[in-house]
C-alpha cells in the first residue's frame, strides 16, 4: 500500500468516527453522512470495533468506544492550559455567580475546553467539547481580536444570521479594547463578556468568558465585568509563563 492509499484509508476511518461522534448510530446513516459505500463503512466499523474505538450498544446503535474515551481523557490531562486555568476560572465563577467558559481556536470554530457552571437558577446548553463558529460567540470573537479585517469578514460571512457591517464595527471596538461581547448572537437571551488569554509573547492562545442570561447581564454589568475578566486572564498568563 502506498502513502496515498494509506492516507485515503485513514481519512475514511476518521470520517466514520466523526459520523458516529455526531450521532449517526446506524450503518445506513453513517454511509449517508460519509458518502462512502456500505461495504467500505462496514469494513472500517469492524476494525474500529475490534480496536475499541467504536462499540455497539443494544437498542441505541453505534457509539464511541472505551478506547476513544480513554484517549479523550488523556488529551485533556495533556493540556496544561486547562489544568492551570481551572482553579482561576472556578474562583471567577464563584465571584460572579455566572457560568465561566474556557475556549481555544479550532480552525474556524471555538472549542470549549472547560466550563464551570454558575449559581444562578439557570443552566446553559454549552458543554465541554462543543464546537461553535468563532464569529457567533463572545469567546470566539476574543479569539479573533488580533486577526486582520479580511479574516473577520470571512468568518462573519460564514454565519447568515450575523449582519456584516454591524459585526465589523463591533470587532473594531473589541480589537481596540481587548474584550468582546455575545449580545444574543448565538442564542436568544444569552449574553457574555469575554477576553483573550495571551502568552508571554502577547499572542492569543485561548479566551475566557462569563456568561448568563439578559436579566443578569444588563449593559452596565457587562461593562463592569471587563476589568474583572482582564485581571483573571492575566493571572492565567502569569501561571503559564
Protein backbone atom coordinates (compact mmCIF):
# COMPACT_ATOMS: atom_id res chain seq x y z
CA UNK A 1 0.00 0.00 0.00
CA UNK A 2 1.49 3.37 -1.00
CA UNK A 3 1.26 6.53 1.12
CA UNK A 4 -1.63 7.85 -0.99
CA UNK A 5 -3.78 4.80 -0.39
CA UNK A 6 -2.80 4.77 3.26
CA UNK A 7 -3.87 8.40 3.67
CA UNK A 8 -7.18 7.72 1.92
CA UNK A 9 -7.90 4.76 4.22
CA UNK A 10 -7.06 6.84 7.29
CA UNK A 11 -9.27 9.72 6.14
CA UNK A 12 -12.18 7.33 5.57
CA UNK A 13 -11.77 5.85 9.06
CA UNK A 14 -11.68 9.35 10.56
CA UNK A 15 -14.85 10.26 8.64
CA UNK A 16 -16.60 7.20 10.07
CA UNK A 17 -15.51 8.05 13.63
CA UNK A 18 -16.67 11.65 13.15
CA UNK A 19 -20.06 10.45 11.87
CA UNK A 20 -20.55 8.27 14.96
CA UNK A 21 -19.43 11.13 17.22
CA UNK A 22 -22.02 13.40 15.57
CA UNK A 23 -24.80 10.96 16.47
CA UNK A 24 -25.19 8.74 13.41
CA UNK A 25 -25.93 5.40 15.07
CA UNK A 26 -26.80 3.05 12.20
CA UNK A 27 -24.81 1.79 9.21
CA UNK A 28 -27.15 3.46 6.70
CA UNK A 29 -26.92 6.84 8.44
CA UNK A 30 -23.11 6.64 8.57
CA UNK A 31 -22.97 5.80 4.86
CA UNK A 32 -25.16 8.82 4.07
CA UNK A 33 -23.10 11.12 6.30
CA UNK A 34 -19.75 9.99 4.86
CA UNK A 35 -20.92 9.25 1.27
CA UNK A 36 -18.89 6.04 1.48
CA UNK A 37 -20.08 2.66 0.10
CA UNK A 38 -21.82 0.33 2.55
CA UNK A 39 -19.12 -2.36 2.18
CA UNK A 40 -16.37 0.17 2.97
CA UNK A 41 -18.13 1.54 6.05
CA UNK A 42 -18.91 -1.98 7.29
CA UNK A 43 -15.24 -2.99 6.95
CA UNK A 44 -14.00 0.15 8.71
CA UNK A 45 -16.52 -0.26 11.53
CA UNK A 46 -15.44 -3.85 12.15
CA UNK A 47 -11.82 -2.71 12.55
CA UNK A 48 -12.80 0.16 14.83
CA UNK A 49 -14.99 -2.10 16.98
CA UNK A 50 -12.21 -4.67 17.31
CA UNK A 51 -9.84 -1.88 18.42
CA UNK A 52 -12.45 -0.50 20.91
CA UNK A 53 -12.71 2.87 19.16
CA UNK A 54 -16.38 2.18 18.39
CA UNK A 55 -18.85 -0.06 20.21
CA UNK A 56 -22.37 -1.24 19.55
CA UNK A 57 -24.98 -0.75 22.25
CA UNK A 58 -28.18 -2.76 22.06
CA UNK A 59 -31.21 -0.55 21.48
CA UNK A 60 -29.05 2.50 20.71
CA UNK A 61 -26.63 1.59 17.95
CA UNK A 62 -23.04 2.61 17.37
CA UNK A 63 -21.32 4.93 19.86
CA UNK A 64 -17.75 5.96 20.64
CA UNK A 65 -15.85 3.14 22.33
CA UNK A 66 -13.91 2.96 25.57
CA UNK A 67 -10.57 3.42 23.81
CA UNK A 68 -11.78 6.72 22.33
CA UNK A 69 -12.98 7.89 25.73
CA UNK A 70 -9.62 6.99 27.30
CA UNK A 71 -7.79 8.95 24.60
CA UNK A 72 -10.08 11.93 25.17
CA UNK A 73 -9.38 11.88 28.90
CA UNK A 74 -5.65 11.63 28.26
CA UNK A 75 -5.77 14.51 25.78
CA UNK A 76 -7.42 16.69 28.41
CA UNK A 77 -4.79 15.76 31.00
CA UNK A 78 -2.06 16.57 28.50
CA UNK A 79 -3.50 20.08 28.04
CA UNK A 80 -1.66 22.22 30.66
CA UNK A 81 -3.78 25.29 29.90
CA UNK A 82 -6.94 23.68 31.25
CA UNK A 83 -5.19 22.38 34.36
CA UNK A 84 -3.63 25.75 35.12
CA UNK A 85 -6.74 27.79 34.31
CA UNK A 86 -9.38 25.67 36.07
CA UNK A 87 -8.89 26.90 39.67
CA UNK A 88 -8.75 30.50 38.44
CA UNK A 89 -11.93 30.05 36.41
CA UNK A 90 -13.62 28.41 39.41
CA UNK A 91 -12.78 31.44 41.55
CA UNK A 92 -14.20 33.73 38.86
CA UNK A 93 -17.41 31.69 38.68
CA UNK A 94 -17.72 31.87 42.46
CA UNK A 95 -17.25 35.65 42.44
CA UNK A 96 -19.64 36.41 39.59
CA UNK A 97 -22.17 33.59 40.27
CA UNK A 98 -22.27 33.09 36.48
CA UNK A 99 -21.05 30.36 34.14
CA UNK A 100 -17.42 30.64 33.06
CA UNK A 101 -16.03 29.14 29.85
CA UNK A 102 -12.52 28.50 28.56
CA UNK A 103 -12.08 28.06 24.82
CA UNK A 104 -9.41 27.64 22.17
CA UNK A 105 -9.44 28.17 18.42
CA UNK A 106 -10.08 25.03 16.36
CA UNK A 107 -9.87 26.06 12.69
CA UNK A 108 -12.90 28.38 12.17
CA UNK A 109 -14.53 27.26 15.43
CA UNK A 110 -14.30 27.77 19.15
CA UNK A 111 -13.65 24.55 21.08
CA UNK A 112 -14.90 24.63 24.68
CA UNK A 113 -12.05 23.31 26.81
CA UNK A 114 -13.66 23.91 30.20
CA UNK A 115 -16.92 25.07 31.74
CA UNK A 116 -17.72 25.96 35.35
CA UNK A 117 -21.43 26.38 36.00
CA UNK A 118 -22.63 29.40 37.96
CA UNK A 119 -25.02 29.63 40.87
CA UNK A 120 -27.91 31.26 39.04
CA UNK A 121 -31.16 29.26 38.68
CA UNK A 122 -30.35 28.62 35.00
CA UNK A 123 -28.37 26.03 33.06
CA UNK A 124 -26.70 26.95 29.79
CA UNK A 125 -26.67 24.44 26.94
CA UNK A 126 -22.92 24.71 26.33
CA UNK A 127 -20.79 21.66 27.09
CA UNK A 128 -17.08 20.90 27.28
CA UNK A 129 -16.09 19.64 23.84
CA UNK A 130 -18.68 21.69 21.93
CA UNK A 131 -17.54 23.44 18.75
CA UNK A 132 -19.27 26.62 17.58
CA UNK A 133 -18.47 29.17 14.85
CA UNK A 134 -15.97 31.78 16.07
CA UNK A 135 -17.96 34.83 14.97
CA UNK A 136 -21.18 33.59 16.59
CA UNK A 137 -19.85 33.55 20.17
CA UNK A 138 -18.38 36.10 22.54
CA UNK A 139 -15.42 33.89 23.37
CA UNK A 140 -14.85 33.26 19.66
CA UNK A 141 -14.74 36.99 18.95
CA UNK A 142 -12.00 37.36 21.58
CA UNK A 143 -10.00 34.73 19.70
CA UNK A 144 -10.47 36.83 16.53
CA UNK A 145 -9.31 40.15 18.01
CA UNK A 146 -5.78 40.14 16.55
CA UNK A 147 -6.84 38.85 13.12
CA UNK A 148 -6.79 41.16 10.07
CA UNK A 149 -10.11 42.68 8.98
CA UNK A 150 -10.26 40.47 5.88
CA UNK A 151 -10.28 37.43 8.16
CA UNK A 152 -13.03 38.97 10.28
CA UNK A 153 -15.11 39.38 7.13
CA UNK A 154 -14.54 35.78 6.04
CA UNK A 155 -15.52 34.35 9.42
CA UNK A 156 -18.55 36.63 9.86
CA UNK A 157 -19.85 35.80 6.37
CA UNK A 158 -19.98 32.13 7.34
CA UNK A 159 -22.93 32.98 9.62
CA UNK A 160 -26.00 34.06 7.67
CA UNK A 161 -27.73 35.42 10.79
CA UNK A 162 -24.98 37.98 11.50
CA UNK A 163 -25.08 41.42 9.90
CA UNK A 164 -21.61 42.02 8.43
CA UNK A 165 -21.31 45.86 8.77
CA UNK A 166 -22.62 45.79 12.35
CA UNK A 167 -20.30 42.99 13.44
CA UNK A 168 -17.28 44.58 11.76
CA UNK A 169 -17.96 47.78 13.67
CA UNK A 170 -18.20 45.78 16.92
CA UNK A 171 -14.99 43.88 16.15
CA UNK A 172 -13.17 47.16 15.61
CA UNK A 173 -14.16 48.26 19.13
CA UNK A 174 -13.28 44.87 20.61
CA UNK A 175 -9.87 44.93 18.96
CA UNK A 176 -9.03 48.32 20.47
CA UNK A 177 -10.26 47.42 23.97
CA UNK A 178 -9.19 43.75 24.07
CA UNK A 179 -12.55 42.25 25.03
CA UNK A 180 -15.70 41.03 23.27
CA UNK A 181 -19.41 40.53 23.87
CA UNK A 182 -22.02 38.00 22.89
CA UNK A 183 -25.21 40.07 22.60
CA UNK A 184 -27.59 37.18 21.98
CA UNK A 185 -25.64 36.50 18.76
CA UNK A 186 -25.86 32.73 19.09
CA UNK A 187 -28.78 32.10 21.42
CA UNK A 188 -31.75 34.23 22.47
CA UNK A 189 -31.36 35.92 25.89
CA UNK A 190 -27.80 34.61 26.35
CA UNK A 191 -25.12 37.26 26.84
CA UNK A 192 -21.47 37.05 27.72
CA UNK A 193 -18.34 39.08 28.26
CA UNK A 194 -15.09 37.52 27.03
CA UNK A 195 -11.39 38.39 26.97
CA UNK A 196 -8.41 36.78 25.26
CA UNK A 197 -5.72 34.89 27.16
CA UNK A 198 -2.24 35.69 25.88
CA UNK A 199 1.13 34.00 26.29
CA UNK A 200 4.27 35.84 27.39
CA UNK A 201 4.85 37.00 23.80
CA UNK A 202 1.42 38.64 23.66
CA UNK A 203 -0.08 36.06 21.30
CA UNK A 204 -3.68 34.93 21.87
CA UNK A 205 -3.70 31.25 22.86
CA UNK A 206 -7.21 30.98 24.32
CA UNK A 207 -10.14 33.04 25.61
CA UNK A 208 -12.40 33.03 28.63
CA UNK A 209 -15.91 34.32 29.24
CA UNK A 210 -18.55 34.97 31.86
CA UNK A 211 -21.98 34.01 30.52
CA UNK A 212 -25.53 34.44 31.76
CA UNK A 213 -28.98 35.45 30.55
CA UNK A 214 -30.00 39.03 29.81
CA UNK A 215 -31.73 39.82 33.15
CA UNK A 216 -28.40 39.12 34.91
CA UNK A 217 -26.34 40.77 32.17
CA UNK A 218 -27.53 44.37 31.63
CA UNK A 219 -25.21 46.64 29.66
CA UNK A 220 -23.80 48.29 32.78
CA UNK A 221 -22.81 44.98 34.39
CA UNK A 222 -21.18 43.76 31.18
CA UNK A 223 -19.04 46.91 31.15
CA UNK A 224 -18.10 46.35 34.80
CA UNK A 225 -17.05 42.76 34.12
CA UNK A 226 -14.40 43.69 31.53
CA UNK A 227 -11.65 44.66 34.04
CA UNK A 228 -12.58 41.69 36.23
CA UNK A 229 -12.07 39.21 33.40
CA UNK A 230 -8.92 41.00 32.28
CA UNK A 231 -7.44 40.59 35.76
CA UNK A 232 -8.21 36.87 35.85
CA UNK A 233 -6.90 36.42 32.32
CA UNK A 234 -3.57 37.94 33.38
CA UNK A 235 -3.44 35.56 36.33
CA UNK A 236 -3.62 32.64 33.90
CA UNK A 237 -0.93 34.18 31.69
CA UNK A 238 1.39 34.62 34.69
CA UNK A 239 0.98 30.98 35.73
CA UNK A 240 1.56 29.73 32.19
CA UNK A 241 4.92 31.51 31.91
